[in-house]
């Protein structure tokens, strides 16, 4: 009986540790990207906004009670909690179901991203006229601007 409790405790610790490492890594990466001024690494390298562009602003708007604005920033912002729930329960969800769910999320993000790029209009590339700023854009890559400033 003591052995069972010890194993259960070890499994809970291992499970907690397996979740803490990715959270700590993401937090550290976000801090480094903020400190260095890079922001979005995809935008920095390619000059094109990433498929998740606007997601943080969408959640801040939603938490502030502006669901209309949240949907304008990113129409798939609501998909984050189910995705995190699937990630947290990945050992309890059948592998096939997890693969199908993640594939659906990836395809949805890709479709929305391509639509946002295709519908690019001067100051508004979103599905709403609530915003005046450009959220998804194509610019010179950040690394290019950095190198140009160092050379000049």
N, C-alpha and C. Protein backbone atom coordinates (compact mmCIF):
# COMPACT_ATOMS: atom_id res chain seq x y z
N UNK A 1 0.83 -1.19 0.00
CA UNK A 1 0.00 0.00 0.00
C UNK A 1 0.87 1.26 0.00
N UNK A 2 1.95 1.27 0.76
CA UNK A 2 2.86 2.41 0.78
C UNK A 2 3.49 2.59 -0.60
N UNK A 3 3.80 1.49 -1.26
CA UNK A 3 4.41 1.56 -2.58
C UNK A 3 3.47 2.27 -3.57
N UNK A 4 2.19 1.97 -3.50
CA UNK A 4 1.22 2.59 -4.40
C UNK A 4 1.16 4.10 -4.18
N UNK A 5 1.14 4.52 -2.94
CA UNK A 5 1.09 5.96 -2.63
C UNK A 5 2.35 6.63 -3.15
N UNK A 6 3.50 6.00 -2.94
CA UNK A 6 4.77 6.57 -3.40
C UNK A 6 4.78 6.69 -4.91
N UNK A 7 4.34 5.65 -5.60
CA UNK A 7 4.29 5.71 -7.06
C UNK A 7 3.35 6.80 -7.53
N UNK A 8 2.19 6.89 -6.90
CA UNK A 8 1.22 7.93 -7.27
C UNK A 8 1.79 9.31 -7.08
N UNK A 9 2.51 9.52 -5.97
CA UNK A 9 3.12 10.81 -5.70
C UNK A 9 4.20 11.11 -6.73
N UNK A 10 5.01 10.11 -7.06
CA UNK A 10 6.06 10.30 -8.06
C UNK A 10 5.45 10.63 -9.42
N UNK A 11 4.37 9.93 -9.78
CA UNK A 11 3.72 10.20 -11.06
C UNK A 11 3.14 11.60 -11.11
N UNK A 12 2.55 12.07 -10.00
CA UNK A 12 2.00 13.43 -9.95
C UNK A 12 3.11 14.46 -10.07
N UNK A 13 4.23 14.21 -9.39
CA UNK A 13 5.36 15.13 -9.49
C UNK A 13 5.91 15.16 -10.91
N UNK A 14 6.05 13.98 -11.51
CA UNK A 14 6.56 13.90 -12.88
C UNK A 14 5.62 14.63 -13.84
N UNK A 15 4.32 14.44 -13.64
CA UNK A 15 3.33 15.11 -14.50
C UNK A 15 3.40 16.63 -14.33
N UNK A 16 3.52 17.09 -13.10
CA UNK A 16 3.63 18.53 -12.83
C UNK A 16 4.92 19.08 -13.44
N UNK A 17 6.02 18.36 -13.26
CA UNK A 17 7.29 18.81 -13.82
C UNK A 17 7.24 18.84 -15.34
N UNK A 18 6.56 17.87 -15.96
CA UNK A 18 6.50 17.85 -17.42
C UNK A 18 5.70 19.04 -17.95
N UNK A 19 4.80 19.61 -17.16
CA UNK A 19 4.05 20.79 -17.58
C UNK A 19 4.82 22.08 -17.26
N UNK A 20 5.61 22.06 -16.18
CA UNK A 20 6.33 23.26 -15.78
C UNK A 20 7.46 23.62 -16.74
N UNK A 21 8.13 22.62 -17.27
CA UNK A 21 9.26 22.88 -18.17
C UNK A 21 8.81 23.66 -19.42
N UNK A 22 7.76 23.21 -20.14
CA UNK A 22 7.34 24.02 -21.30
C UNK A 22 6.84 25.41 -20.93
N UNK A 23 6.14 25.53 -19.81
CA UNK A 23 5.65 26.85 -19.38
C UNK A 23 6.82 27.76 -19.07
N UNK A 24 7.82 27.25 -18.36
CA UNK A 24 9.00 28.05 -18.03
C UNK A 24 9.76 28.44 -19.31
N UNK A 25 9.89 27.50 -20.24
CA UNK A 25 10.59 27.78 -21.49
C UNK A 25 9.86 28.84 -22.30
N UNK A 26 8.54 28.77 -22.38
CA UNK A 26 7.75 29.76 -23.12
C UNK A 26 7.85 31.13 -22.46
N UNK A 27 7.81 31.15 -21.14
CA UNK A 27 7.92 32.41 -20.41
C UNK A 27 9.28 33.05 -20.64
N UNK A 28 10.33 32.27 -20.56
CA UNK A 28 11.68 32.78 -20.81
C UNK A 28 11.82 33.28 -22.24
N UNK A 29 11.31 32.52 -23.20
CA UNK A 29 11.39 32.92 -24.60
C UNK A 29 10.64 34.23 -24.83
N UNK A 30 9.44 34.35 -24.25
CA UNK A 30 8.66 35.58 -24.41
C UNK A 30 9.39 36.78 -23.80
N UNK A 31 10.01 36.56 -22.65
CA UNK A 31 10.77 37.63 -22.00
C UNK A 31 11.95 38.06 -22.86
N UNK A 32 12.67 37.11 -23.40
CA UNK A 32 13.82 37.43 -24.26
C UNK A 32 13.38 38.15 -25.53
N UNK A 33 12.28 37.70 -26.13
CA UNK A 33 11.79 38.35 -27.34
C UNK A 33 11.34 39.78 -27.05
N UNK A 34 10.78 39.99 -25.87
CA UNK A 34 10.35 41.34 -25.48
C UNK A 34 11.56 42.24 -25.20
N UNK A 35 12.51 41.73 -24.44
CA UNK A 35 13.69 42.52 -24.08
C UNK A 35 14.50 42.91 -25.32
N UNK A 36 14.65 41.97 -26.26
CA UNK A 36 15.45 42.25 -27.46
C UNK A 36 14.69 43.07 -28.49
N UNK A 37 13.38 43.24 -28.29
CA UNK A 37 12.58 44.02 -29.23
C UNK A 37 12.18 43.25 -30.47
N UNK A 38 12.45 41.96 -30.50
CA UNK A 38 12.10 41.14 -31.66
C UNK A 38 10.59 40.95 -31.75
N UNK A 39 9.95 40.73 -30.63
CA UNK A 39 8.50 40.49 -30.64
C UNK A 39 8.19 39.13 -31.24
N UNK A 40 7.55 39.12 -32.38
CA UNK A 40 7.20 37.87 -33.05
C UNK A 40 8.40 37.40 -33.87
N UNK A 41 8.94 36.22 -33.58
CA UNK A 41 10.10 35.74 -34.33
C UNK A 41 9.79 35.49 -35.81
N UNK A 42 8.58 35.08 -36.12
CA UNK A 42 8.21 34.84 -37.52
C UNK A 42 8.22 36.15 -38.28
N UNK A 43 7.63 37.19 -37.70
CA UNK A 43 7.61 38.51 -38.33
C UNK A 43 9.03 39.06 -38.46
N UNK A 44 9.86 38.81 -37.44
CA UNK A 44 11.24 39.29 -37.45
C UNK A 44 12.03 38.66 -38.59
N UNK A 45 11.84 37.36 -38.81
CA UNK A 45 12.62 36.64 -39.82
C UNK A 45 12.05 36.83 -41.22
N UNK A 46 10.73 36.78 -41.37
CA UNK A 46 10.14 36.79 -42.71
C UNK A 46 9.56 38.14 -43.13
N UNK A 47 9.19 38.98 -42.17
CA UNK A 47 8.53 40.23 -42.49
C UNK A 47 7.03 40.08 -42.63
N UNK A 48 6.52 38.86 -42.44
CA UNK A 48 5.09 38.57 -42.57
C UNK A 48 4.54 38.19 -41.19
N UNK A 49 3.40 38.76 -40.85
CA UNK A 49 2.77 38.43 -39.57
C UNK A 49 2.45 36.94 -39.51
N UNK A 50 2.54 36.37 -38.33
CA UNK A 50 2.31 34.93 -38.16
C UNK A 50 0.81 34.62 -38.09
N UNK A 51 0.44 33.34 -38.21
CA UNK A 51 -0.97 32.96 -38.15
C UNK A 51 -1.65 33.32 -36.84
N UNK A 52 -0.90 33.48 -35.77
CA UNK A 52 -1.48 33.82 -34.47
C UNK A 52 -1.46 35.30 -34.18
N UNK A 53 -1.08 36.10 -35.17
CA UNK A 53 -0.96 37.54 -34.96
C UNK A 53 -2.28 38.13 -34.51
N UNK A 54 -2.25 38.87 -33.42
CA UNK A 54 -3.43 39.50 -32.87
C UNK A 54 -4.06 38.71 -31.73
N UNK A 55 -3.55 37.50 -31.48
CA UNK A 55 -4.14 36.62 -30.47
C UNK A 55 -4.04 37.24 -29.07
N UNK A 56 -2.91 37.81 -28.71
CA UNK A 56 -2.77 38.41 -27.38
C UNK A 56 -3.71 39.60 -27.23
N UNK A 57 -3.75 40.45 -28.25
CA UNK A 57 -4.65 41.60 -28.20
C UNK A 57 -6.11 41.15 -28.15
N UNK A 58 -6.42 40.05 -28.84
CA UNK A 58 -7.78 39.51 -28.81
C UNK A 58 -8.16 39.09 -27.39
N UNK A 59 -7.25 38.39 -26.72
CA UNK A 59 -7.55 37.93 -25.35
C UNK A 59 -7.65 39.09 -24.37
N UNK A 60 -6.80 40.09 -24.54
CA UNK A 60 -6.90 41.27 -23.67
C UNK A 60 -8.23 41.97 -23.88
N UNK A 61 -8.68 42.04 -25.12
CA UNK A 61 -9.99 42.65 -25.42
C UNK A 61 -11.12 41.82 -24.83
N UNK A 62 -11.04 40.51 -25.00
CA UNK A 62 -12.09 39.62 -24.47
C UNK A 62 -12.17 39.71 -22.96
N UNK A 63 -11.01 39.73 -22.31
CA UNK A 63 -11.00 39.83 -20.85
C UNK A 63 -11.52 41.19 -20.38
N UNK A 64 -11.45 42.18 -21.25
CA UNK A 64 -11.98 43.50 -20.95
C UNK A 64 -13.45 43.63 -21.33
N UNK A 65 -14.06 42.53 -21.77
CA UNK A 65 -15.47 42.53 -22.10
C UNK A 65 -15.81 42.94 -23.52
N UNK A 66 -14.82 43.08 -24.37
CA UNK A 66 -15.04 43.48 -25.76
C UNK A 66 -14.88 42.28 -26.70
N UNK A 67 -15.87 41.41 -26.74
CA UNK A 67 -15.80 40.23 -27.59
C UNK A 67 -15.79 40.60 -29.07
N UNK A 68 -16.48 41.67 -29.43
CA UNK A 68 -16.48 42.12 -30.82
C UNK A 68 -15.07 42.51 -31.27
N UNK A 69 -14.37 43.22 -30.41
CA UNK A 69 -13.01 43.63 -30.71
C UNK A 69 -12.07 42.42 -30.70
N UNK A 70 -12.30 41.51 -29.77
CA UNK A 70 -11.49 40.28 -29.70
C UNK A 70 -11.60 39.49 -30.99
N UNK A 71 -12.82 39.35 -31.50
CA UNK A 71 -13.02 38.63 -32.77
C UNK A 71 -12.39 39.37 -33.94
N UNK A 72 -12.35 40.68 -33.85
CA UNK A 72 -11.71 41.46 -34.91
C UNK A 72 -10.19 41.26 -34.89
N UNK A 73 -9.60 41.21 -33.72
CA UNK A 73 -8.15 40.99 -33.64
C UNK A 73 -7.77 39.60 -34.13
N UNK A 74 -8.52 38.60 -33.71
CA UNK A 74 -8.27 37.25 -34.22
C UNK A 74 -9.53 36.42 -34.03
N UNK A 75 -10.17 36.02 -35.13
CA UNK A 75 -11.44 35.31 -35.03
C UNK A 75 -11.35 33.94 -34.37
N UNK A 76 -10.16 33.41 -34.20
CA UNK A 76 -10.00 32.10 -33.55
C UNK A 76 -9.41 32.20 -32.15
N UNK A 77 -9.52 33.36 -31.52
CA UNK A 77 -8.92 33.52 -30.19
C UNK A 77 -9.50 32.52 -29.19
N UNK A 78 -10.76 32.19 -29.34
CA UNK A 78 -11.47 31.29 -28.42
C UNK A 78 -10.94 29.86 -28.46
N UNK A 79 -10.13 29.53 -29.45
CA UNK A 79 -9.65 28.16 -29.60
C UNK A 79 -8.49 27.84 -28.65
N UNK A 80 -7.93 28.86 -28.02
CA UNK A 80 -6.77 28.65 -27.14
C UNK A 80 -7.09 27.78 -25.92
N UNK A 81 -8.14 28.06 -25.15
CA UNK A 81 -8.42 27.20 -23.98
C UNK A 81 -8.64 25.72 -24.33
N UNK A 82 -9.43 25.39 -25.38
CA UNK A 82 -9.54 23.97 -25.71
C UNK A 82 -8.20 23.34 -26.13
N UNK A 83 -7.37 24.11 -26.83
CA UNK A 83 -6.06 23.59 -27.23
C UNK A 83 -5.18 23.31 -26.01
N UNK A 84 -5.21 24.23 -25.03
CA UNK A 84 -4.45 23.99 -23.80
C UNK A 84 -5.00 22.81 -23.02
N UNK A 85 -6.33 22.68 -23.00
CA UNK A 85 -6.95 21.54 -22.31
C UNK A 85 -6.52 20.23 -22.95
N UNK A 86 -6.49 20.20 -24.27
CA UNK A 86 -6.03 18.99 -24.97
C UNK A 86 -4.57 18.69 -24.65
N UNK A 87 -3.76 19.74 -24.62
CA UNK A 87 -2.34 19.54 -24.29
C UNK A 87 -2.18 19.02 -22.87
N UNK A 88 -2.97 19.55 -21.95
CA UNK A 88 -2.87 19.11 -20.55
C UNK A 88 -3.37 17.69 -20.37
N UNK A 89 -4.34 17.29 -21.17
CA UNK A 89 -4.93 15.95 -21.05
C UNK A 89 -4.40 14.98 -22.10
N UNK A 90 -3.28 15.32 -22.71
CA UNK A 90 -2.77 14.52 -23.83
C UNK A 90 -2.55 13.05 -23.49
N UNK A 91 -2.26 12.74 -22.23
CA UNK A 91 -2.04 11.34 -21.84
C UNK A 91 -3.36 10.61 -21.61
N UNK A 92 -4.45 11.34 -21.50
CA UNK A 92 -5.76 10.73 -21.24
C UNK A 92 -6.64 10.71 -22.48
N UNK A 93 -6.27 11.46 -23.51
CA UNK A 93 -7.05 11.52 -24.75
C UNK A 93 -6.44 10.53 -25.74
N UNK A 94 -7.28 9.76 -26.45
CA UNK A 94 -6.73 8.84 -27.45
C UNK A 94 -5.86 9.58 -28.46
N UNK A 95 -4.76 8.96 -28.82
CA UNK A 95 -3.77 9.57 -29.70
C UNK A 95 -4.41 10.06 -31.01
N UNK A 96 -5.26 9.26 -31.58
CA UNK A 96 -5.91 9.61 -32.85
C UNK A 96 -6.79 10.86 -32.69
N UNK A 97 -7.55 10.93 -31.61
CA UNK A 97 -8.41 12.09 -31.36
C UNK A 97 -7.57 13.36 -31.20
N UNK A 98 -6.45 13.23 -30.50
CA UNK A 98 -5.55 14.37 -30.30
C UNK A 98 -4.98 14.85 -31.64
N UNK A 99 -4.56 13.91 -32.46
CA UNK A 99 -4.01 14.25 -33.77
C UNK A 99 -5.05 14.94 -34.64
N UNK A 100 -6.28 14.41 -34.65
CA UNK A 100 -7.35 15.02 -35.44
C UNK A 100 -7.65 16.43 -34.94
N UNK A 101 -7.77 16.60 -33.63
CA UNK A 101 -8.07 17.92 -33.06
C UNK A 101 -6.98 18.93 -33.39
N UNK A 102 -5.73 18.55 -33.23
CA UNK A 102 -4.63 19.47 -33.52
C UNK A 102 -4.54 19.79 -35.01
N UNK A 103 -4.87 18.83 -35.85
CA UNK A 103 -4.88 19.06 -37.29
C UNK A 103 -5.97 20.06 -37.66
N UNK A 104 -7.14 19.93 -37.05
CA UNK A 104 -8.24 20.86 -37.30
C UNK A 104 -7.84 22.27 -36.86
N UNK A 105 -7.22 22.39 -35.70
CA UNK A 105 -6.77 23.70 -35.21
C UNK A 105 -5.75 24.31 -36.17
N UNK A 106 -4.79 23.51 -36.61
CA UNK A 106 -3.75 24.01 -37.52
C UNK A 106 -4.36 24.45 -38.85
N UNK A 107 -5.28 23.67 -39.39
CA UNK A 107 -5.91 24.04 -40.66
C UNK A 107 -6.74 25.31 -40.50
N UNK A 108 -7.48 25.42 -39.40
CA UNK A 108 -8.29 26.62 -39.15
C UNK A 108 -7.40 27.86 -39.07
N UNK A 109 -6.28 27.76 -38.34
CA UNK A 109 -5.35 28.89 -38.23
C UNK A 109 -4.77 29.26 -39.59
N UNK A 110 -4.44 28.25 -40.38
CA UNK A 110 -3.87 28.50 -41.71
C UNK A 110 -4.89 29.18 -42.62
N UNK A 111 -6.13 28.71 -42.61
CA UNK A 111 -7.17 29.31 -43.44
C UNK A 111 -7.41 30.77 -43.05
N UNK A 112 -7.55 31.02 -41.75
CA UNK A 112 -7.77 32.40 -41.30
C UNK A 112 -6.59 33.28 -41.67
N UNK A 113 -5.37 32.77 -41.50
CA UNK A 113 -4.17 33.54 -41.81
C UNK A 113 -4.13 33.89 -43.30
N UNK A 114 -4.41 32.91 -44.16
CA UNK A 114 -4.38 33.16 -45.60
C UNK A 114 -5.48 34.15 -46.01
N UNK A 115 -6.66 34.03 -45.41
CA UNK A 115 -7.73 34.98 -45.69
C UNK A 115 -7.33 36.40 -45.26
N UNK A 116 -6.71 36.49 -44.09
CA UNK A 116 -6.31 37.81 -43.59
C UNK A 116 -5.26 38.44 -44.51
N UNK A 117 -4.36 37.64 -45.02
CA UNK A 117 -3.35 38.17 -45.94
C UNK A 117 -3.97 38.52 -47.29
N UNK A 118 -4.89 37.67 -47.77
CA UNK A 118 -5.52 37.91 -49.07
C UNK A 118 -6.43 39.13 -49.04
N UNK A 119 -7.10 39.38 -47.91
CA UNK A 119 -8.03 40.50 -47.79
C UNK A 119 -7.34 41.77 -47.33
N UNK A 120 -6.03 41.81 -47.43
CA UNK A 120 -5.27 42.95 -46.94
C UNK A 120 -5.75 44.24 -47.60
N UNK A 121 -6.22 45.14 -46.77
CA UNK A 121 -6.67 46.45 -47.22
C UNK A 121 -5.89 47.47 -46.38
N UNK A 122 -5.51 48.56 -46.99
CA UNK A 122 -4.70 49.59 -46.35
C UNK A 122 -4.51 49.45 -44.84
N UNK A 123 -5.50 49.84 -44.05
CA UNK A 123 -5.28 49.85 -42.61
C UNK A 123 -6.04 48.75 -41.88
N UNK A 124 -6.75 47.90 -42.60
CA UNK A 124 -7.55 46.91 -41.91
C UNK A 124 -7.58 45.60 -42.68
N UNK A 125 -6.99 44.58 -42.10
CA UNK A 125 -6.96 43.29 -42.77
C UNK A 125 -7.80 42.28 -42.01
N UNK A 126 -8.65 42.77 -41.16
CA UNK A 126 -9.44 41.89 -40.33
C UNK A 126 -10.84 41.73 -40.88
N UNK A 127 -11.66 40.96 -40.19
CA UNK A 127 -13.02 40.72 -40.62
C UNK A 127 -13.98 41.74 -40.03
N UNK A 128 -13.48 42.86 -39.64
CA UNK A 128 -14.32 43.87 -39.00
C UNK A 128 -13.72 45.24 -39.24
N UNK A 129 -14.55 46.26 -39.19
CA UNK A 129 -14.03 47.61 -39.32
C UNK A 129 -13.90 48.30 -37.97
N UNK A 130 -13.80 47.49 -36.90
CA UNK A 130 -13.67 48.04 -35.56
C UNK A 130 -12.28 48.62 -35.30
N UNK A 131 -11.31 48.17 -36.05
CA UNK A 131 -9.93 48.57 -35.78
C UNK A 131 -9.41 49.50 -36.85
N UNK A 132 -8.54 50.38 -36.44
CA UNK A 132 -7.93 51.30 -37.40
C UNK A 132 -6.47 50.96 -37.63
N UNK A 133 -5.92 50.06 -36.85
CA UNK A 133 -4.51 49.73 -37.01
C UNK A 133 -4.35 48.47 -37.84
N UNK A 134 -3.19 48.33 -38.42
CA UNK A 134 -2.87 47.17 -39.24
C UNK A 134 -2.32 46.09 -38.33
N UNK A 135 -3.00 44.96 -38.23
CA UNK A 135 -2.54 43.89 -37.37
C UNK A 135 -1.71 42.89 -38.15
N UNK A 136 -2.20 42.45 -39.27
CA UNK A 136 -1.46 41.51 -40.10
C UNK A 136 -0.87 42.30 -41.26
N UNK A 137 0.43 42.23 -41.40
CA UNK A 137 1.06 43.02 -42.44
C UNK A 137 2.29 42.33 -43.00
N UNK A 138 2.74 42.86 -44.11
CA UNK A 138 3.96 42.38 -44.75
C UNK A 138 4.93 43.56 -44.79
N UNK A 139 6.05 43.41 -44.12
CA UNK A 139 7.05 44.47 -44.03
C UNK A 139 8.42 43.87 -44.32
N UNK A 140 9.43 44.73 -44.28
CA UNK A 140 10.80 44.24 -44.37
C UNK A 140 11.09 43.43 -43.11
N UNK A 141 11.76 42.27 -43.24
CA UNK A 141 12.08 41.48 -42.05
C UNK A 141 12.89 42.29 -41.04
N UNK A 142 12.65 42.04 -39.75
CA UNK A 142 13.33 42.76 -38.70
C UNK A 142 14.84 42.60 -38.73
N UNK A 143 15.30 41.40 -39.08
CA UNK A 143 16.75 41.17 -39.13
C UNK A 143 17.39 42.01 -40.22
N UNK A 144 16.68 42.22 -41.34
CA UNK A 144 17.20 43.03 -42.43
C UNK A 144 17.35 44.48 -41.99
N UNK A 145 16.33 44.99 -41.31
CA UNK A 145 16.40 46.36 -40.80
C UNK A 145 17.51 46.52 -39.78
N UNK A 146 17.69 45.49 -38.93
CA UNK A 146 18.75 45.51 -37.93
C UNK A 146 20.14 45.55 -38.59
N UNK A 147 20.35 44.70 -39.58
CA UNK A 147 21.64 44.67 -40.28
C UNK A 147 21.87 45.98 -41.01
N UNK A 148 20.83 46.49 -41.65
CA UNK A 148 20.96 47.76 -42.38
C UNK A 148 21.34 48.90 -41.44
N UNK A 149 20.77 48.92 -40.24
CA UNK A 149 21.10 49.99 -39.29
C UNK A 149 22.52 49.84 -38.77
N UNK A 150 23.00 48.60 -38.66
CA UNK A 150 24.37 48.38 -38.19
C UNK A 150 25.39 48.76 -39.25
N UNK A 151 25.06 48.53 -40.51
CA UNK A 151 25.97 48.82 -41.63
C UNK A 151 26.02 50.32 -41.92
N UNK A 152 24.87 50.98 -41.78
CA UNK A 152 24.79 52.41 -42.12
C UNK A 152 25.50 53.28 -41.13
